[in-house]
Amino acid sequence: MKLSVRSITFDFLFGGAIVVGALLVASLLGPTAGGILAGAPIRASGVIFLEYLHEGVDKATELTRGVLFAMIANVFFAVVLYLSIPKFGLGGGFLAASAVFIAVIAVMKLMGLL
């Protein structure tokens, strides 16, 4: 990928717009709705779209494969985060959920899926 100020700026603004959109939905419809938008395929689609613009269809397809496996691990991350924030606070919850995310990815790697 050729890095240029223009492409980095575009990527930054595009990704930021997705985050701002999720936060706007959260402020209008509540945090659950904002979380649904933040976790929805729109986020991954944005990254895949940018990869397609920068590197073409083959790289975008391979990135999509990675997104599929990350989404599986994200389910575990979200469940652990949801259950652990009330018990361990935000920092502890993120730490526990991140450890589970990494463990799930490692298991998929050991199984030869990645």
N, C-alpha and C. Protein backbone atom coordinates (compact mmCIF):
# COMPACT_ATOMS: atom_id res chain seq x y z
N MET A 1 0.85 -1.17 0.00
CA MET A 1 0.00 0.00 0.00
C MET A 1 0.89 1.23 0.00
N LYS A 2 0.61 2.14 -0.89
CA LYS A 2 1.32 3.42 -0.91
C LYS A 2 0.73 4.32 0.16
N LEU A 3 1.58 4.74 1.06
CA LEU A 3 1.12 5.66 2.09
C LEU A 3 1.32 7.08 1.61
N SER A 4 0.27 7.83 1.69
CA SER A 4 0.34 9.25 1.36
C SER A 4 -0.53 9.99 2.36
N VAL A 5 -0.27 11.26 2.49
CA VAL A 5 -1.07 12.07 3.41
C VAL A 5 -2.53 12.02 3.00
N ARG A 6 -2.78 12.04 1.72
CA ARG A 6 -4.17 12.02 1.23
C ARG A 6 -4.88 10.72 1.60
N SER A 7 -4.23 9.57 1.37
CA SER A 7 -4.90 8.29 1.67
C SER A 7 -5.05 8.09 3.17
N ILE A 8 -4.05 8.48 3.95
CA ILE A 8 -4.16 8.36 5.40
C ILE A 8 -5.27 9.26 5.93
N THR A 9 -5.36 10.46 5.41
CA THR A 9 -6.42 11.39 5.83
C THR A 9 -7.79 10.83 5.48
N PHE A 10 -7.94 10.30 4.27
CA PHE A 10 -9.21 9.72 3.86
C PHE A 10 -9.59 8.56 4.78
N ASP A 11 -8.63 7.64 5.02
CA ASP A 11 -8.90 6.49 5.88
C ASP A 11 -9.30 6.94 7.29
N PHE A 12 -8.60 7.93 7.81
CA PHE A 12 -8.88 8.46 9.15
C PHE A 12 -10.28 9.06 9.21
N LEU A 13 -10.64 9.86 8.23
CA LEU A 13 -11.96 10.49 8.22
C LEU A 13 -13.07 9.46 8.01
N PHE A 14 -12.83 8.50 7.13
CA PHE A 14 -13.82 7.46 6.86
C PHE A 14 -14.08 6.64 8.12
N GLY A 15 -13.00 6.17 8.75
CA GLY A 15 -13.15 5.38 9.98
C GLY A 15 -13.76 6.19 11.11
N GLY A 16 -13.35 7.45 11.22
CA GLY A 16 -13.91 8.33 12.25
C GLY A 16 -15.39 8.56 12.06
N ALA A 17 -15.82 8.66 10.81
CA ALA A 17 -17.24 8.86 10.53
C ALA A 17 -18.07 7.67 11.01
N ILE A 18 -17.51 6.47 10.89
CA ILE A 18 -18.21 5.28 11.36
C ILE A 18 -18.37 5.33 12.88
N VAL A 19 -17.30 5.70 13.58
CA VAL A 19 -17.35 5.79 15.04
C VAL A 19 -18.33 6.88 15.48
N VAL A 20 -18.26 8.04 14.83
CA VAL A 20 -19.17 9.14 15.15
C VAL A 20 -20.62 8.72 14.92
N GLY A 21 -20.86 7.99 13.83
CA GLY A 21 -22.21 7.51 13.55
C GLY A 21 -22.73 6.60 14.65
N ALA A 22 -21.88 5.69 15.12
CA ALA A 22 -22.29 4.78 16.20
C ALA A 22 -22.58 5.56 17.48
N LEU A 23 -21.75 6.55 17.79
CA LEU A 23 -21.99 7.35 18.99
C LEU A 23 -23.23 8.21 18.86
N LEU A 24 -23.51 8.70 17.66
CA LEU A 24 -24.72 9.49 17.43
C LEU A 24 -25.96 8.62 17.63
N VAL A 25 -25.92 7.42 17.07
CA VAL A 25 -27.04 6.50 17.26
C VAL A 25 -27.20 6.18 18.75
N ALA A 26 -26.09 5.99 19.46
CA ALA A 26 -26.15 5.70 20.90
C ALA A 26 -26.79 6.85 21.66
N SER A 27 -26.48 8.09 21.27
CA SER A 27 -27.06 9.23 21.99
C SER A 27 -28.53 9.42 21.64
N LEU A 28 -28.93 9.03 20.46
CA LEU A 28 -30.33 9.19 20.04
C LEU A 28 -31.21 8.02 20.46
N LEU A 29 -30.70 6.80 20.33
CA LEU A 29 -31.53 5.61 20.54
C LEU A 29 -31.10 4.77 21.73
N GLY A 30 -30.01 5.14 22.38
CA GLY A 30 -29.54 4.41 23.54
C GLY A 30 -28.28 3.63 23.24
N PRO A 31 -27.55 3.27 24.30
CA PRO A 31 -26.27 2.60 24.11
C PRO A 31 -26.36 1.22 23.45
N THR A 32 -27.43 0.49 23.67
CA THR A 32 -27.55 -0.81 23.01
C THR A 32 -27.61 -0.64 21.50
N ALA A 33 -28.41 0.31 21.03
CA ALA A 33 -28.50 0.56 19.59
C ALA A 33 -27.15 1.02 19.03
N GLY A 34 -26.45 1.87 19.78
CA GLY A 34 -25.12 2.30 19.35
C GLY A 34 -24.15 1.14 19.29
N GLY A 35 -24.24 0.24 20.25
CA GLY A 35 -23.39 -0.95 20.25
C GLY A 35 -23.69 -1.87 19.10
N ILE A 36 -24.95 -1.98 18.76
CA ILE A 36 -25.32 -2.80 17.60
C ILE A 36 -24.70 -2.23 16.34
N LEU A 37 -24.76 -0.92 16.18
CA LEU A 37 -24.16 -0.30 15.00
C LEU A 37 -22.64 -0.45 15.04
N ALA A 38 -22.02 -0.25 16.20
CA ALA A 38 -20.56 -0.36 16.31
C ALA A 38 -20.09 -1.78 16.00
N GLY A 39 -20.88 -2.77 16.37
CA GLY A 39 -20.51 -4.15 16.13
C GLY A 39 -21.02 -4.71 14.82
N ALA A 40 -21.79 -3.92 14.11
CA ALA A 40 -22.41 -4.39 12.87
C ALA A 40 -21.37 -4.52 11.75
N PRO A 41 -21.73 -5.19 10.72
CA PRO A 41 -20.82 -5.33 9.58
C PRO A 41 -20.37 -4.02 8.94
N ILE A 42 -21.01 -2.90 9.28
CA ILE A 42 -20.60 -1.64 8.67
C ILE A 42 -19.16 -1.30 9.00
N ARG A 43 -18.73 -1.62 10.22
CA ARG A 43 -17.34 -1.34 10.62
C ARG A 43 -16.38 -2.19 9.79
N ALA A 44 -16.62 -3.47 9.74
CA ALA A 44 -15.75 -4.36 8.97
C ALA A 44 -15.84 -4.04 7.48
N SER A 45 -17.03 -3.72 7.03
CA SER A 45 -17.20 -3.38 5.62
C SER A 45 -16.39 -2.15 5.24
N GLY A 46 -16.32 -1.20 6.16
CA GLY A 46 -15.51 -0.01 5.91
C GLY A 46 -14.05 -0.35 5.73
N VAL A 47 -13.52 -1.21 6.58
CA VAL A 47 -12.12 -1.61 6.47
C VAL A 47 -11.89 -2.41 5.19
N ILE A 48 -12.81 -3.30 4.87
CA ILE A 48 -12.68 -4.09 3.64
C ILE A 48 -12.74 -3.19 2.42
N PHE A 49 -13.63 -2.21 2.44
CA PHE A 49 -13.74 -1.25 1.34
C PHE A 49 -12.43 -0.48 1.15
N LEU A 50 -11.85 -0.01 2.25
CA LEU A 50 -10.59 0.72 2.15
C LEU A 50 -9.46 -0.18 1.65
N GLU A 51 -9.43 -1.42 2.10
CA GLU A 51 -8.41 -2.36 1.61
C GLU A 51 -8.57 -2.59 0.11
N TYR A 52 -9.81 -2.70 -0.34
CA TYR A 52 -10.08 -2.84 -1.77
C TYR A 52 -9.56 -1.63 -2.55
N LEU A 53 -9.82 -0.44 -2.04
CA LEU A 53 -9.34 0.77 -2.71
C LEU A 53 -7.82 0.81 -2.79
N HIS A 54 -7.16 0.37 -1.72
CA HIS A 54 -5.70 0.45 -1.66
C HIS A 54 -5.00 -0.71 -2.34
N GLU A 55 -5.55 -1.92 -2.19
CA GLU A 55 -4.80 -3.12 -2.61
C GLU A 55 -5.52 -4.01 -3.62
N GLY A 56 -6.80 -3.77 -3.87
CA GLY A 56 -7.50 -4.57 -4.87
C GLY A 56 -8.32 -5.70 -4.27
N VAL A 57 -8.96 -6.45 -5.17
CA VAL A 57 -9.95 -7.44 -4.77
C VAL A 57 -9.34 -8.63 -4.04
N ASP A 58 -8.16 -9.10 -4.44
CA ASP A 58 -7.58 -10.27 -3.79
C ASP A 58 -7.25 -9.99 -2.33
N LYS A 59 -6.65 -8.85 -2.06
CA LYS A 59 -6.31 -8.49 -0.67
C LYS A 59 -7.58 -8.24 0.14
N ALA A 60 -8.59 -7.63 -0.47
CA ALA A 60 -9.86 -7.38 0.23
C ALA A 60 -10.54 -8.71 0.58
N THR A 61 -10.45 -9.68 -0.31
CA THR A 61 -11.03 -11.00 -0.05
C THR A 61 -10.32 -11.68 1.10
N GLU A 62 -9.00 -11.62 1.11
CA GLU A 62 -8.23 -12.23 2.21
C GLU A 62 -8.50 -11.53 3.53
N LEU A 63 -8.64 -10.21 3.49
CA LEU A 63 -8.98 -9.45 4.69
C LEU A 63 -10.36 -9.88 5.21
N THR A 64 -11.28 -10.14 4.31
CA THR A 64 -12.62 -10.59 4.69
C THR A 64 -12.55 -11.92 5.44
N ARG A 65 -11.65 -12.78 5.03
CA ARG A 65 -11.46 -14.06 5.74
C ARG A 65 -11.01 -13.79 7.19
N GLY A 66 -10.08 -12.87 7.36
CA GLY A 66 -9.64 -12.52 8.70
C GLY A 66 -10.76 -11.92 9.53
N VAL A 67 -11.58 -11.10 8.91
CA VAL A 67 -12.71 -10.49 9.60
C VAL A 67 -13.68 -11.57 10.10
N LEU A 68 -13.90 -12.59 9.30
CA LEU A 68 -14.78 -13.68 9.70
C LEU A 68 -14.30 -14.33 11.00
N PHE A 69 -13.02 -14.65 11.07
CA PHE A 69 -12.49 -15.27 12.28
C PHE A 69 -12.47 -14.29 13.45
N ALA A 70 -12.20 -13.03 13.18
CA ALA A 70 -12.24 -12.03 14.26
C ALA A 70 -13.65 -11.88 14.81
N MET A 71 -14.65 -11.98 13.97
CA MET A 71 -16.03 -11.86 14.44
C MET A 71 -16.39 -13.00 15.39
N ILE A 72 -15.87 -14.18 15.12
CA ILE A 72 -16.09 -15.30 16.03
C ILE A 72 -15.47 -14.98 17.39
N ALA A 73 -14.23 -14.51 17.38
CA ALA A 73 -13.55 -14.15 18.63
C ALA A 73 -14.22 -12.96 19.30
N ASN A 74 -14.78 -12.04 18.50
CA ASN A 74 -15.47 -10.87 19.06
C ASN A 74 -16.69 -11.26 19.89
N VAL A 75 -17.36 -12.33 19.50
CA VAL A 75 -18.51 -12.80 20.29
C VAL A 75 -18.05 -13.16 21.70
N PHE A 76 -16.96 -13.89 21.79
CA PHE A 76 -16.42 -14.25 23.09
C PHE A 76 -15.96 -13.01 23.86
N PHE A 77 -15.29 -12.09 23.16
CA PHE A 77 -14.85 -10.83 23.77
C PHE A 77 -16.03 -10.08 24.37
N ALA A 78 -17.09 -9.93 23.59
CA ALA A 78 -18.25 -9.16 24.04
C ALA A 78 -18.94 -9.82 25.23
N VAL A 79 -19.07 -11.13 25.21
CA VAL A 79 -19.72 -11.84 26.32
C VAL A 79 -18.90 -11.67 27.60
N VAL A 80 -17.60 -11.87 27.51
CA VAL A 80 -16.75 -11.72 28.69
C VAL A 80 -16.77 -10.28 29.18
N LEU A 81 -16.71 -9.33 28.28
CA LEU A 81 -16.74 -7.92 28.67
C LEU A 81 -18.06 -7.59 29.37
N TYR A 82 -19.15 -8.03 28.81
CA TYR A 82 -20.48 -7.79 29.38
C TYR A 82 -20.58 -8.37 30.80
N LEU A 83 -20.05 -9.56 31.00
CA LEU A 83 -20.13 -10.21 32.30
C LEU A 83 -19.11 -9.69 33.30
N SER A 84 -17.97 -9.20 32.83
CA SER A 84 -16.90 -8.85 33.76
C SER A 84 -16.85 -7.37 34.15
N ILE A 85 -17.43 -6.47 33.37
CA ILE A 85 -17.39 -5.05 33.74
C ILE A 85 -18.04 -4.82 35.11
N PRO A 86 -19.22 -5.38 35.37
CA PRO A 86 -19.80 -5.13 36.70
C PRO A 86 -18.95 -5.68 37.85
N LYS A 87 -18.22 -6.76 37.60
CA LYS A 87 -17.43 -7.39 38.66
C LYS A 87 -16.05 -6.78 38.82
N PHE A 88 -15.39 -6.43 37.71
CA PHE A 88 -13.99 -6.01 37.74
C PHE A 88 -13.77 -4.58 37.29
N GLY A 89 -14.82 -3.87 36.91
CA GLY A 89 -14.67 -2.52 36.39
C GLY A 89 -14.28 -2.52 34.92
N LEU A 90 -14.20 -1.33 34.36
CA LEU A 90 -13.95 -1.21 32.93
C LEU A 90 -12.57 -1.77 32.55
N GLY A 91 -11.53 -1.37 33.29
CA GLY A 91 -10.18 -1.84 32.97
C GLY A 91 -10.03 -3.34 33.10
N GLY A 92 -10.52 -3.89 34.21
CA GLY A 92 -10.46 -5.34 34.41
C GLY A 92 -11.28 -6.09 33.39
N GLY A 93 -12.43 -5.53 33.05
CA GLY A 93 -13.28 -6.17 32.05
C GLY A 93 -12.61 -6.23 30.69
N PHE A 94 -12.00 -5.11 30.29
CA PHE A 94 -11.29 -5.11 29.00
C PHE A 94 -10.09 -6.05 29.02
N LEU A 95 -9.40 -6.12 30.13
CA LEU A 95 -8.26 -7.02 30.24
C LEU A 95 -8.71 -8.48 30.10
N ALA A 96 -9.76 -8.86 30.83
CA ALA A 96 -10.27 -10.23 30.75
C ALA A 96 -10.79 -10.55 29.35
N ALA A 97 -11.56 -9.63 28.78
CA ALA A 97 -12.13 -9.86 27.45
C ALA A 97 -11.03 -9.95 26.39
N SER A 98 -10.00 -9.14 26.52
CA SER A 98 -8.89 -9.18 25.56
C SER A 98 -8.13 -10.49 25.65
N ALA A 99 -7.94 -10.97 26.88
CA ALA A 99 -7.27 -12.26 27.06
C ALA A 99 -8.07 -13.39 26.42
N VAL A 100 -9.38 -13.35 26.57
CA VAL A 100 -10.24 -14.36 25.95
C VAL A 100 -10.19 -14.25 24.43
N PHE A 101 -10.22 -13.04 23.91
CA PHE A 101 -10.13 -12.83 22.46
C PHE A 101 -8.85 -13.46 21.91
N ILE A 102 -7.72 -13.17 22.56
CA ILE A 102 -6.43 -13.72 22.12
C ILE A 102 -6.43 -15.24 22.22
N ALA A 103 -7.02 -15.78 23.29
CA ALA A 103 -7.08 -17.23 23.45
C ALA A 103 -7.90 -17.88 22.34
N VAL A 104 -9.01 -17.27 21.98
CA VAL A 104 -9.86 -17.84 20.92
C VAL A 104 -9.11 -17.81 19.58
N ILE A 105 -8.43 -16.71 19.30
CA ILE A 105 -7.64 -16.62 18.06
C ILE A 105 -6.54 -17.68 18.07
N ALA A 106 -5.88 -17.85 19.22
CA ALA A 106 -4.82 -18.86 19.33
C ALA A 106 -5.37 -20.27 19.08
N VAL A 107 -6.53 -20.56 19.63
CA VAL A 107 -7.15 -21.88 19.42
C VAL A 107 -7.46 -22.08 17.94
N MET A 108 -8.00 -21.07 17.29
CA MET A 108 -8.30 -21.19 15.85
C MET A 108 -7.01 -21.39 15.06
N LYS A 109 -5.95 -20.72 15.47
CA LYS A 109 -4.65 -20.88 14.81
C LYS A 109 -4.14 -22.31 14.99
N LEU A 110 -4.22 -22.83 16.23
CA LEU A 110 -3.78 -24.20 16.49
C LEU A 110 -4.60 -25.24 15.73
N MET A 111 -5.86 -24.92 15.50
CA MET A 111 -6.74 -25.83 14.75
C MET A 111 -6.48 -25.75 13.25
N GLY A 112 -5.62 -24.83 12.84
CA GLY A 112 -5.30 -24.69 11.42
C GLY A 112 -6.32 -23.88 10.64
N LEU A 113 -7.17 -23.16 11.33
CA LEU A 113 -8.19 -22.37 10.65
C LEU A 113 -7.63 -21.05 10.11
N LEU A 114 -6.58 -20.56 10.72
CA LEU A 114 -5.97 -19.29 10.29
C LEU A 114 -4.69 -19.55 9.53
